[in-house]
Amino acid sequence: MTDEGTTVTREKVEQYLAMTASARAKATPQTNNVEDAARLTSMMRMCDDYTADARHFLEQGDLVRAFGAINYAHAWIDAAVRIGFMDGHGDDRLFTLP
């Protein structure tokens, strides 16, 4: 029995960092007003901050916190797509589509 699905490894964190970077690059804004654009900017700032935290924790060797942070980062992008602030371009691998 392997613990591949139950152990946080550097490779797994790096995989999620890459997936989140792909999602960040793929999703495009589609807000309809200034208020929603400001909300999206705030959401993407949170995404970027959590991504930076994940990289910091990874550099420190704290894989559990790095994994948690990158999942929070991805959730901000996913939420923006889900509520319609961003277009996920039909990619149901990177996003939970509406």
N, C-alpha and C. Protein backbone atom coordinates (compact mmCIF):
# COMPACT_ATOMS: atom_id res chain seq x y z
N MET A 1 0.84 -1.18 0.00
CA MET A 1 0.00 0.00 0.00
C MET A 1 0.89 1.25 0.00
N THR A 2 0.53 2.21 -0.85
CA THR A 2 1.27 3.47 -0.86
C THR A 2 0.45 4.53 -0.15
N ASP A 3 1.16 5.57 0.28
CA ASP A 3 0.45 6.68 0.91
C ASP A 3 0.45 7.90 -0.01
N GLU A 4 0.45 7.62 -1.32
CA GLU A 4 0.47 8.67 -2.33
C GLU A 4 -0.64 9.69 -2.15
N GLY A 5 -1.83 9.24 -1.81
CA GLY A 5 -2.96 10.14 -1.66
C GLY A 5 -3.11 10.72 -0.27
N THR A 6 -2.25 10.32 0.66
CA THR A 6 -2.41 10.79 2.04
C THR A 6 -1.20 11.53 2.57
N THR A 7 -0.17 11.70 1.75
CA THR A 7 1.05 12.36 2.19
C THR A 7 1.29 13.61 1.36
N VAL A 8 1.55 14.71 2.04
CA VAL A 8 1.89 15.95 1.34
C VAL A 8 3.38 15.92 1.05
N THR A 9 3.70 16.01 -0.23
CA THR A 9 5.10 16.00 -0.66
C THR A 9 5.41 17.33 -1.36
N ARG A 10 6.69 17.61 -1.49
CA ARG A 10 7.12 18.80 -2.24
C ARG A 10 6.57 18.74 -3.66
N GLU A 11 6.61 17.56 -4.27
CA GLU A 11 6.11 17.41 -5.64
C GLU A 11 4.63 17.72 -5.74
N LYS A 12 3.86 17.28 -4.75
CA LYS A 12 2.42 17.54 -4.76
C LYS A 12 2.15 19.03 -4.62
N VAL A 13 2.86 19.70 -3.74
CA VAL A 13 2.69 21.15 -3.58
C VAL A 13 3.06 21.85 -4.89
N GLU A 14 4.17 21.44 -5.49
CA GLU A 14 4.59 22.05 -6.76
C GLU A 14 3.56 21.80 -7.86
N GLN A 15 2.96 20.63 -7.87
CA GLN A 15 1.90 20.31 -8.84
C GLN A 15 0.72 21.27 -8.66
N TYR A 16 0.31 21.49 -7.42
CA TYR A 16 -0.81 22.40 -7.15
C TYR A 16 -0.44 23.85 -7.43
N LEU A 17 0.80 24.23 -7.19
CA LEU A 17 1.25 25.58 -7.55
C LEU A 17 1.14 25.78 -9.06
N ALA A 18 1.56 24.77 -9.82
CA ALA A 18 1.49 24.86 -11.28
C ALA A 18 0.03 24.89 -11.76
N MET A 19 -0.82 24.09 -11.16
CA MET A 19 -2.22 24.06 -11.55
C MET A 19 -2.88 25.42 -11.27
N THR A 20 -2.57 26.01 -10.13
CA THR A 20 -3.14 27.30 -9.79
C THR A 20 -2.60 28.39 -10.72
N ALA A 21 -1.34 28.32 -11.08
CA ALA A 21 -0.78 29.28 -12.04
C ALA A 21 -1.48 29.15 -13.39
N SER A 22 -1.78 27.93 -13.81
CA SER A 22 -2.50 27.71 -15.06
C SER A 22 -3.90 28.30 -14.99
N ALA A 23 -4.56 28.08 -13.87
CA ALA A 23 -5.92 28.62 -13.69
C ALA A 23 -5.89 30.14 -13.69
N ARG A 24 -4.91 30.71 -13.01
CA ARG A 24 -4.79 32.18 -12.93
C ARG A 24 -4.56 32.76 -14.32
N ALA A 25 -3.77 32.08 -15.14
CA ALA A 25 -3.49 32.56 -16.50
C ALA A 25 -4.68 32.36 -17.44
N LYS A 26 -5.45 31.31 -17.22
CA LYS A 26 -6.53 30.98 -18.15
C LYS A 26 -7.79 31.81 -17.92
N ALA A 27 -8.16 32.02 -16.67
CA ALA A 27 -9.39 32.72 -16.36
C ALA A 27 -9.26 34.19 -16.74
N THR A 28 -10.29 34.71 -17.37
CA THR A 28 -10.28 36.11 -17.79
C THR A 28 -11.44 36.86 -17.15
N PRO A 29 -11.21 38.12 -16.78
CA PRO A 29 -12.26 38.91 -16.14
C PRO A 29 -13.46 39.10 -17.06
N GLN A 30 -14.64 39.12 -16.44
CA GLN A 30 -15.86 39.42 -17.19
C GLN A 30 -16.86 40.14 -16.28
N THR A 31 -16.36 41.14 -15.57
CA THR A 31 -17.24 41.91 -14.69
C THR A 31 -18.01 42.94 -15.51
N ASN A 32 -19.17 43.32 -14.99
CA ASN A 32 -20.06 44.23 -15.71
C ASN A 32 -20.10 45.64 -15.13
N ASN A 33 -19.49 45.84 -13.98
CA ASN A 33 -19.54 47.17 -13.37
C ASN A 33 -18.31 47.39 -12.49
N VAL A 34 -18.15 48.60 -12.06
CA VAL A 34 -16.97 49.00 -11.28
C VAL A 34 -16.91 48.25 -9.95
N GLU A 35 -18.04 48.08 -9.30
CA GLU A 35 -18.08 47.40 -8.01
C GLU A 35 -17.61 45.94 -8.13
N ASP A 36 -18.13 45.25 -9.13
CA ASP A 36 -17.71 43.85 -9.34
C ASP A 36 -16.25 43.76 -9.75
N ALA A 37 -15.78 44.70 -10.53
CA ALA A 37 -14.37 44.73 -10.91
C ALA A 37 -13.49 44.90 -9.67
N ALA A 38 -13.91 45.75 -8.75
CA ALA A 38 -13.16 45.94 -7.50
C ALA A 38 -13.19 44.68 -6.65
N ARG A 39 -14.34 44.02 -6.61
CA ARG A 39 -14.43 42.75 -5.87
C ARG A 39 -13.50 41.70 -6.47
N LEU A 40 -13.48 41.63 -7.79
CA LEU A 40 -12.60 40.67 -8.46
C LEU A 40 -11.13 40.99 -8.17
N THR A 41 -10.79 42.26 -8.22
CA THR A 41 -9.40 42.65 -7.91
C THR A 41 -9.01 42.18 -6.51
N SER A 42 -9.92 42.37 -5.56
CA SER A 42 -9.67 41.93 -4.20
C SER A 42 -9.51 40.41 -4.12
N MET A 43 -10.37 39.68 -4.84
CA MET A 43 -10.29 38.22 -4.84
C MET A 43 -8.97 37.74 -5.44
N MET A 44 -8.54 38.36 -6.51
CA MET A 44 -7.29 37.94 -7.14
C MET A 44 -6.08 38.34 -6.31
N ARG A 45 -6.20 39.42 -5.55
CA ARG A 45 -5.13 39.78 -4.62
C ARG A 45 -5.00 38.70 -3.55
N MET A 46 -6.14 38.21 -3.06
CA MET A 46 -6.11 37.12 -2.08
C MET A 46 -5.47 35.87 -2.68
N CYS A 47 -5.82 35.57 -3.93
CA CYS A 47 -5.22 34.43 -4.62
C CYS A 47 -3.70 34.58 -4.68
N ASP A 48 -3.27 35.75 -5.10
CA ASP A 48 -1.83 35.99 -5.23
C ASP A 48 -1.12 35.96 -3.89
N ASP A 49 -1.75 36.51 -2.85
CA ASP A 49 -1.15 36.49 -1.52
C ASP A 49 -1.03 35.06 -0.98
N TYR A 50 -2.08 34.27 -1.15
CA TYR A 50 -2.01 32.87 -0.70
C TYR A 50 -0.99 32.07 -1.51
N THR A 51 -0.85 32.38 -2.79
CA THR A 51 0.17 31.71 -3.60
C THR A 51 1.55 32.06 -3.08
N ALA A 52 1.77 33.33 -2.77
CA ALA A 52 3.07 33.74 -2.21
C ALA A 52 3.32 33.06 -0.87
N ASP A 53 2.27 32.95 -0.05
CA ASP A 53 2.41 32.24 1.23
C ASP A 53 2.80 30.79 0.99
N ALA A 54 2.14 30.14 0.03
CA ALA A 54 2.45 28.74 -0.27
C ALA A 54 3.92 28.59 -0.66
N ARG A 55 4.41 29.47 -1.51
CA ARG A 55 5.82 29.41 -1.91
C ARG A 55 6.74 29.62 -0.71
N HIS A 56 6.39 30.56 0.15
CA HIS A 56 7.19 30.81 1.36
C HIS A 56 7.23 29.57 2.24
N PHE A 57 6.06 28.99 2.51
CA PHE A 57 6.02 27.79 3.34
C PHE A 57 6.79 26.64 2.71
N LEU A 58 6.70 26.51 1.39
CA LEU A 58 7.44 25.46 0.69
C LEU A 58 8.94 25.66 0.88
N GLU A 59 9.40 26.89 0.73
CA GLU A 59 10.83 27.19 0.92
C GLU A 59 11.28 26.86 2.34
N GLN A 60 10.37 27.05 3.31
CA GLN A 60 10.69 26.77 4.70
C GLN A 60 10.58 25.28 5.04
N GLY A 61 10.08 24.49 4.08
CA GLY A 61 9.91 23.07 4.32
C GLY A 61 8.62 22.72 5.04
N ASP A 62 7.73 23.68 5.20
CA ASP A 62 6.45 23.45 5.87
C ASP A 62 5.43 23.05 4.80
N LEU A 63 5.44 21.78 4.44
CA LEU A 63 4.63 21.29 3.33
C LEU A 63 3.13 21.33 3.62
N VAL A 64 2.75 21.10 4.84
CA VAL A 64 1.32 21.10 5.17
C VAL A 64 0.74 22.50 4.99
N ARG A 65 1.43 23.51 5.54
CA ARG A 65 0.93 24.88 5.37
C ARG A 65 1.01 25.32 3.91
N ALA A 66 2.04 24.90 3.20
CA ALA A 66 2.16 25.23 1.78
C ALA A 66 0.99 24.65 1.00
N PHE A 67 0.66 23.41 1.28
CA PHE A 67 -0.46 22.74 0.59
C PHE A 67 -1.78 23.43 0.91
N GLY A 68 -1.97 23.77 2.17
CA GLY A 68 -3.19 24.48 2.55
C GLY A 68 -3.30 25.83 1.88
N ALA A 69 -2.20 26.57 1.85
CA ALA A 69 -2.22 27.91 1.26
C ALA A 69 -2.50 27.87 -0.23
N ILE A 70 -1.90 26.93 -0.94
CA ILE A 70 -2.13 26.90 -2.40
C ILE A 70 -3.56 26.46 -2.70
N ASN A 71 -4.14 25.65 -1.85
CA ASN A 71 -5.54 25.29 -2.06
C ASN A 71 -6.47 26.48 -1.79
N TYR A 72 -6.16 27.29 -0.80
CA TYR A 72 -6.92 28.52 -0.59
C TYR A 72 -6.77 29.44 -1.80
N ALA A 73 -5.56 29.57 -2.32
CA ALA A 73 -5.32 30.42 -3.49
C ALA A 73 -6.20 29.98 -4.66
N HIS A 74 -6.20 28.69 -4.92
CA HIS A 74 -6.98 28.18 -6.05
C HIS A 74 -8.48 28.40 -5.81
N ALA A 75 -8.89 28.28 -4.57
CA ALA A 75 -10.31 28.47 -4.26
C ALA A 75 -10.77 29.89 -4.59
N TRP A 76 -9.91 30.88 -4.43
CA TRP A 76 -10.29 32.25 -4.78
C TRP A 76 -10.56 32.37 -6.28
N ILE A 77 -9.71 31.77 -7.10
CA ILE A 77 -9.94 31.80 -8.56
C ILE A 77 -11.21 31.03 -8.90
N ASP A 78 -11.34 29.86 -8.32
CA ASP A 78 -12.49 29.01 -8.59
C ASP A 78 -13.78 29.73 -8.21
N ALA A 79 -13.77 30.42 -7.08
CA ALA A 79 -14.96 31.16 -6.66
C ALA A 79 -15.28 32.28 -7.65
N ALA A 80 -14.26 32.98 -8.12
CA ALA A 80 -14.48 34.07 -9.09
C ALA A 80 -15.11 33.54 -10.37
N VAL A 81 -14.67 32.37 -10.81
CA VAL A 81 -15.26 31.76 -12.00
C VAL A 81 -16.69 31.32 -11.69
N ARG A 82 -16.86 30.70 -10.57
CA ARG A 82 -18.17 30.15 -10.21
C ARG A 82 -19.25 31.24 -10.12
N ILE A 83 -18.91 32.41 -9.58
CA ILE A 83 -19.91 33.46 -9.43
C ILE A 83 -20.00 34.37 -10.65
N GLY A 84 -19.17 34.10 -11.67
CA GLY A 84 -19.29 34.81 -12.93
C GLY A 84 -18.43 36.05 -13.08
N PHE A 85 -17.51 36.30 -12.14
CA PHE A 85 -16.60 37.43 -12.28
C PHE A 85 -15.49 37.14 -13.28
N MET A 86 -15.25 35.84 -13.54
CA MET A 86 -14.23 35.43 -14.50
C MET A 86 -14.79 34.33 -15.39
N ASP A 87 -14.26 34.25 -16.58
CA ASP A 87 -14.61 33.19 -17.53
C ASP A 87 -13.56 32.10 -17.44
N GLY A 88 -14.01 30.89 -17.14
CA GLY A 88 -13.10 29.75 -17.07
C GLY A 88 -12.94 29.03 -18.39
N HIS A 89 -13.56 29.55 -19.44
CA HIS A 89 -13.43 29.03 -20.80
C HIS A 89 -13.73 27.54 -20.90
N GLY A 90 -14.73 27.11 -20.12
CA GLY A 90 -15.20 25.74 -20.22
C GLY A 90 -14.26 24.69 -19.64
N ASP A 91 -13.23 25.10 -18.92
CA ASP A 91 -12.25 24.15 -18.39
C ASP A 91 -12.73 23.60 -17.05
N ASP A 92 -13.32 22.42 -17.09
CA ASP A 92 -13.83 21.82 -15.86
C ASP A 92 -12.77 21.02 -15.11
N ARG A 93 -11.55 21.05 -15.58
CA ARG A 93 -10.43 20.47 -14.84
C ARG A 93 -9.87 21.50 -13.84
N LEU A 94 -9.81 22.75 -14.27
CA LEU A 94 -9.25 23.81 -13.43
C LEU A 94 -10.30 24.51 -12.57
N PHE A 95 -11.56 24.44 -12.98
CA PHE A 95 -12.60 25.22 -12.32
C PHE A 95 -13.86 24.41 -12.06
N THR A 96 -14.61 24.82 -11.04
CA THR A 96 -15.96 24.33 -10.83
C THR A 96 -16.86 25.28 -11.61
N LEU A 97 -17.31 24.85 -12.74
CA LEU A 97 -18.04 25.73 -13.64
C LEU A 97 -19.49 25.91 -13.18
N PRO A 98 -20.03 27.11 -13.46
CA PRO A 98 -21.43 27.36 -13.09
C PRO A 98 -22.38 26.44 -13.84
